[in-house]
Amino acid sequence: MRRGALLEQALRHSQRLVAGCLLLAIGLAWAWLYSGAGMMEAMGDMLMPMSSGPWSLGHALLVLAMWAVMMAAMMLPSAAPMILLHGTLARRRADGGDPALACAAAAAGYLAVWAAFSLAATVLQYALERAALLSPMMQASSRILAAAVLVTAGAYQWTPLKQRCLRHCRSPLDFVLSHWRPGTRGAFAMGLRHGGVCAGCCGLLMLLLFVVGVMNLGWIAGIALFVAVEKLLPGGPWIGRIAGLVLIAWGLALGATGL
């Protein structure tokens, strides 16, 4: 009995350690973004985008790192319930393995999906810069392009695919129970699956950063907060639909002024 109690205490300590590591990772990601993520330079009392000139391999890797850290900062908070629930289930199941390793593997799988998204966003940013459609402030210089992104993101909020992905994101316990895989490899696979669902839910919202400025911290925080509200609050799906209408109206108004 005493041995079982000691084991349970050790496992609970492991879960607290995982939660602390998640908080630390999120905090470090936001701190790096606040510092400019290597993409900004001090101009008096303000941070302004660095003039990159022609893209080098080093600059491309820096942009990729910026996007990857940004996605971690924005998406890990709303993914934390799934990751921690996975650790709890791993603690209680004989085939779950070490709960700390299971949580780490689930988080790694989740972040791997957003790293792939970051690579796609980096390629898109490069293409927009080459086409002179992105300003030095890293936002769309074409009103028509900005309007198209806004309308597309807003309309997507009403699609069945969006709602199906959102249902999975809003039910982390159901997701973990339905897609449980034993061991560290299974945890990584579950993280990949959950990351794919979240990308299907929120990927287009992330492209709004090309409209308002890729390194606009206010909008980064606002989109992250909206994602959390949409996933965690009882009225999240309808909040998302209403936001979609706002985005469509904003896009149409912007497009009308750009014609």
Protein backbone atom coordinates (compact mmCIF):
# COMPACT_ATOMS: atom_id res chain seq x y z
CA MET A 1 0.00 0.00 0.00
CA ARG A 2 2.78 2.38 0.94
CA ARG A 3 4.63 1.57 -2.28
CA GLY A 4 1.51 2.33 -4.32
CA ALA A 5 1.00 5.63 -2.53
CA LEU A 6 4.60 6.62 -3.16
CA LEU A 7 4.24 5.74 -6.85
CA GLU A 8 1.05 7.79 -7.13
CA GLN A 9 2.75 10.75 -5.45
CA ALA A 10 5.69 10.49 -7.85
CA LEU A 11 3.37 10.39 -10.86
CA ARG A 12 1.44 13.43 -9.65
CA HIS A 13 4.73 15.25 -9.23
CA SER A 14 5.55 14.27 -12.81
CA GLN A 15 2.26 15.79 -14.00
CA ARG A 16 2.97 19.03 -12.16
CA LEU A 17 6.41 19.05 -13.74
CA VAL A 18 4.85 18.70 -17.20
CA ALA A 19 2.42 21.55 -16.50
CA GLY A 20 5.33 23.71 -15.32
CA CYS A 21 7.32 22.88 -18.45
CA LEU A 22 4.36 23.83 -20.64
CA LEU A 23 4.01 27.16 -18.85
CA LEU A 24 7.74 27.78 -19.19
CA ALA A 25 7.71 26.97 -22.91
CA ILE A 26 4.75 29.27 -23.50
CA GLY A 27 6.35 32.06 -21.46
CA LEU A 28 9.67 31.77 -23.30
CA ALA A 29 7.92 31.79 -26.67
CA TRP A 30 6.02 34.98 -25.82
CA ALA A 31 9.17 36.59 -24.42
CA TRP A 32 11.04 35.92 -27.67
CA LEU A 33 8.19 37.37 -29.70
CA TYR A 34 8.11 40.42 -27.43
CA SER A 35 11.84 40.92 -28.00
CA GLY A 36 11.26 40.99 -31.75
CA ALA A 37 12.04 37.35 -32.57
CA GLY A 38 15.21 38.45 -34.32
CA MET A 39 13.13 40.19 -36.97
CA MET A 40 13.03 43.66 -35.40
CA GLU A 41 15.59 46.30 -34.56
CA ALA A 42 15.44 49.21 -32.12
CA MET A 43 14.61 52.57 -33.68
CA GLY A 44 14.61 55.00 -30.78
CA ASP A 45 11.97 53.72 -28.37
CA MET A 46 10.28 51.53 -30.99
CA LEU A 47 10.96 48.15 -32.59
CA MET A 48 10.85 48.30 -36.39
CA PRO A 49 11.16 45.44 -38.91
CA MET A 50 14.69 44.80 -40.09
CA SER A 51 15.30 45.34 -43.79
CA SER A 52 16.12 41.85 -45.01
CA GLY A 53 17.01 42.59 -48.64
CA PRO A 54 17.40 39.42 -50.74
CA TRP A 55 16.50 36.29 -48.83
CA SER A 56 19.52 34.31 -47.65
CA LEU A 57 19.42 30.87 -46.06
CA GLY A 58 20.03 32.48 -42.67
CA HIS A 59 17.16 34.91 -43.12
CA ALA A 60 14.82 32.13 -44.27
CA LEU A 61 15.69 30.06 -41.19
CA LEU A 62 15.09 33.09 -38.97
CA VAL A 63 11.65 33.65 -40.54
CA LEU A 64 10.86 29.95 -40.10
CA ALA A 65 11.91 30.12 -36.45
CA MET A 66 9.77 33.23 -35.96
CA TRP A 67 6.68 31.47 -37.34
CA ALA A 68 7.35 28.26 -35.40
CA VAL A 69 7.79 30.06 -32.08
CA MET A 70 4.76 32.24 -32.84
CA MET A 71 2.61 29.16 -33.45
CA ALA A 72 3.86 27.57 -30.22
CA ALA A 73 3.06 30.73 -28.26
CA MET A 74 -0.43 30.99 -29.78
CA MET A 75 -1.49 27.34 -29.87
CA LEU A 76 0.11 25.59 -26.88
CA PRO A 77 -2.21 27.27 -24.32
CA SER A 78 -5.35 25.85 -25.95
CA ALA A 79 -3.64 22.47 -26.53
CA ALA A 80 -2.53 22.16 -22.89
CA PRO A 81 -5.78 20.44 -21.72
CA MET A 82 -5.32 17.63 -24.26
CA ILE A 83 -1.63 17.20 -23.41
CA LEU A 84 -2.26 17.11 -19.66
CA LEU A 85 -5.26 14.79 -20.02
CA HIS A 86 -3.11 12.44 -22.04
CA GLY A 87 -0.58 12.42 -19.22
CA THR A 88 -3.31 11.71 -16.68
CA LEU A 89 -4.60 8.76 -18.70
CA ALA A 90 -1.04 7.49 -19.20
CA ARG A 91 -0.60 7.61 -15.43
CA ARG A 92 -3.65 5.41 -14.89
CA ARG A 93 -3.18 2.90 -17.69
CA ALA A 94 -0.66 0.08 -17.60
CA ASP A 95 0.17 0.62 -21.29
CA GLY A 96 0.57 4.39 -20.98
CA GLY A 97 4.27 4.40 -20.17
CA ASP A 98 5.90 7.24 -18.29
CA PRO A 99 3.36 10.11 -18.12
CA ALA A 100 6.01 12.81 -18.44
CA LEU A 101 7.43 11.20 -21.57
CA ALA A 102 3.93 10.67 -22.93
CA CYS A 103 3.09 14.36 -22.44
CA ALA A 104 6.37 15.41 -24.03
CA ALA A 105 5.75 13.15 -27.00
CA ALA A 106 2.17 14.41 -27.43
CA ALA A 107 3.38 18.02 -27.30
CA ALA A 108 6.16 17.22 -29.79
CA GLY A 109 3.69 15.68 -32.22
CA TYR A 110 1.37 18.64 -31.87
CA LEU A 111 4.16 21.15 -32.44
CA ALA A 112 5.48 19.15 -35.41
CA VAL A 113 2.24 19.91 -37.27
CA TRP A 114 2.55 23.61 -36.53
CA ALA A 115 6.21 23.51 -37.55
CA ALA A 116 5.06 22.21 -40.94
CA PHE A 117 2.48 25.00 -41.05
CA SER A 118 5.27 27.47 -40.21
CA LEU A 119 7.32 26.19 -43.14
CA ALA A 120 4.35 26.76 -45.46
CA ALA A 121 3.85 30.26 -43.99
CA THR A 122 7.54 31.04 -44.54
CA VAL A 123 7.29 30.00 -48.20
CA LEU A 124 4.15 32.10 -48.56
CA GLN A 125 5.85 35.11 -46.96
CA TYR A 126 8.77 34.73 -49.37
CA ALA A 127 6.40 34.54 -52.35
CA LEU A 128 4.46 37.62 -51.22
CA GLU A 129 7.67 39.59 -50.76
CA ARG A 130 8.93 38.54 -54.19
CA ALA A 131 5.63 39.67 -55.71
CA ALA A 132 5.89 43.02 -53.86
CA LEU A 133 2.62 42.24 -52.03
CA LEU A 134 4.10 42.53 -48.55
CA SER A 135 5.18 45.83 -47.01
CA PRO A 136 8.30 46.37 -44.86
CA MET A 137 5.95 46.08 -41.87
CA MET A 138 5.25 42.49 -43.03
CA GLN A 139 1.62 43.10 -43.91
CA ALA A 140 -0.26 42.94 -47.19
CA SER A 141 0.37 46.02 -49.33
CA SER A 142 -2.57 45.15 -51.60
CA ARG A 143 -6.06 45.92 -50.32
CA ILE A 144 -7.51 43.31 -52.66
CA LEU A 145 -5.21 40.61 -51.26
CA ALA A 146 -6.01 41.64 -47.70
CA ALA A 147 -9.72 41.62 -48.48
CA ALA A 148 -9.48 38.16 -50.04
CA VAL A 149 -7.75 36.78 -46.93
CA LEU A 150 -10.33 38.34 -44.62
CA VAL A 151 -13.33 37.09 -46.60
CA THR A 152 -11.87 33.60 -47.00
CA ALA A 153 -11.04 33.31 -43.29
CA GLY A 154 -14.47 34.64 -42.34
CA ALA A 155 -16.35 32.32 -44.67
CA TYR A 156 -14.36 29.33 -43.43
CA GLN A 157 -15.71 29.94 -39.93
CA TRP A 158 -19.11 28.76 -41.25
CA THR A 159 -17.96 25.64 -43.10
CA PRO A 160 -18.73 22.08 -41.91
CA LEU A 161 -15.00 21.25 -41.90
CA LYS A 162 -14.29 24.11 -39.51
CA GLN A 163 -17.09 23.04 -37.20
CA ARG A 164 -16.01 19.40 -37.26
CA CYS A 165 -12.42 20.30 -36.38
CA LEU A 166 -13.62 22.69 -33.69
CA ARG A 167 -15.73 19.97 -32.05
CA HIS A 168 -12.62 17.81 -31.69
CA CYS A 169 -10.63 20.72 -30.28
CA ARG A 170 -13.38 21.57 -27.78
CA SER A 171 -13.53 18.00 -26.41
CA PRO A 172 -9.97 17.05 -25.36
CA LEU A 173 -11.17 14.22 -23.12
CA ASP A 174 -13.28 12.66 -25.89
CA PHE A 175 -10.37 13.09 -28.28
CA VAL A 176 -7.88 11.37 -25.97
CA LEU A 177 -10.27 8.51 -25.18
CA SER A 178 -11.23 8.03 -28.85
CA HIS A 179 -7.71 8.19 -30.27
CA TRP A 180 -5.66 6.67 -27.45
CA ARG A 181 -2.44 5.01 -28.53
CA PRO A 182 -0.14 3.35 -25.97
CA GLY A 183 3.46 4.30 -25.36
CA THR A 184 5.60 7.24 -26.39
CA ARG A 185 5.18 6.56 -30.10
CA GLY A 186 1.44 6.41 -29.66
CA ALA A 187 1.48 9.70 -27.75
CA PHE A 188 3.43 11.35 -30.58
CA ALA A 189 0.90 10.02 -33.11
CA MET A 190 -1.96 11.42 -31.02
CA GLY A 191 -0.19 14.77 -30.88
CA LEU A 192 0.14 14.74 -34.66
CA ARG A 193 -3.54 13.95 -35.07
CA HIS A 194 -4.61 16.66 -32.63
CA GLY A 195 -2.27 19.15 -34.28
CA GLY A 196 -3.83 18.34 -37.65
CA VAL A 197 -7.30 18.93 -36.24
CA CYS A 198 -6.22 22.25 -34.72
CA ALA A 199 -4.57 23.33 -37.96
CA GLY A 200 -7.82 22.54 -39.75
CA CYS A 201 -9.64 24.62 -37.16
CA CYS A 202 -7.33 27.65 -36.91
CA GLY A 203 -4.91 27.64 -39.84
CA LEU A 204 -6.74 30.27 -41.88
CA LEU A 205 -7.02 32.53 -38.85
CA MET A 206 -3.22 32.58 -38.64
CA LEU A 207 -3.04 33.97 -42.18
CA LEU A 208 -4.79 37.09 -40.88
CA LEU A 209 -1.34 38.11 -39.65
CA PHE A 210 -0.45 38.88 -43.26
CA VAL A 211 -3.27 41.44 -43.19
CA VAL A 212 -2.49 43.16 -39.89
CA GLY A 213 1.28 42.60 -39.74
CA VAL A 214 3.13 39.35 -39.10
CA MET A 215 4.90 40.78 -36.04
CA ASN A 216 1.98 42.84 -34.71
CA LEU A 217 2.05 41.65 -31.09
CA GLY A 218 -1.39 43.06 -30.31
CA TRP A 219 -2.99 41.03 -33.08
CA ILE A 220 -0.92 37.94 -32.28
CA ALA A 221 -2.22 38.08 -28.70
CA GLY A 222 -5.75 38.86 -29.92
CA ILE A 223 -5.86 35.90 -32.30
CA ALA A 224 -4.42 33.61 -29.60
CA LEU A 225 -7.09 34.80 -27.17
CA PHE A 226 -9.83 34.30 -29.77
CA VAL A 227 -8.60 30.75 -30.45
CA ALA A 228 -8.75 29.98 -26.72
CA VAL A 229 -12.24 31.50 -26.39
CA GLU A 230 -13.51 29.58 -29.41
CA LYS A 231 -12.16 26.30 -28.06
CA LEU A 232 -12.81 26.64 -24.34
CA LEU A 233 -15.89 28.80 -23.67
CA PRO A 234 -19.43 27.33 -23.83
CA GLY A 235 -20.51 29.67 -26.63
CA GLY A 236 -17.28 29.28 -28.57
CA PRO A 237 -18.74 27.98 -31.85
CA TRP A 238 -21.20 30.85 -32.16
CA ILE A 239 -18.56 33.38 -31.14
CA GLY A 240 -16.48 31.97 -34.01
CA ARG A 241 -19.36 32.29 -36.48
CA ILE A 242 -20.05 35.87 -35.45
CA ALA A 243 -16.36 36.67 -35.82
CA GLY A 244 -16.55 35.14 -39.28
CA LEU A 245 -19.29 37.58 -40.25
CA VAL A 246 -17.19 40.47 -38.92
CA LEU A 247 -14.21 39.32 -41.00
CA ILE A 248 -16.35 39.02 -44.13
CA ALA A 249 -17.79 42.53 -43.63
CA TRP A 250 -14.30 43.91 -42.98
CA GLY A 251 -12.97 42.22 -46.10
CA LEU A 252 -15.80 43.45 -48.30
CA ALA A 253 -15.40 46.99 -47.05
CA LEU A 254 -11.65 46.87 -47.58
CA GLY A 255 -12.07 45.39 -51.04
CA ALA A 256 -14.54 48.07 -52.03
CA THR A 257 -12.06 50.81 -51.14
CA GLY A 258 -9.30 49.01 -53.05
CA LEU A 259 -11.18 48.82 -56.37
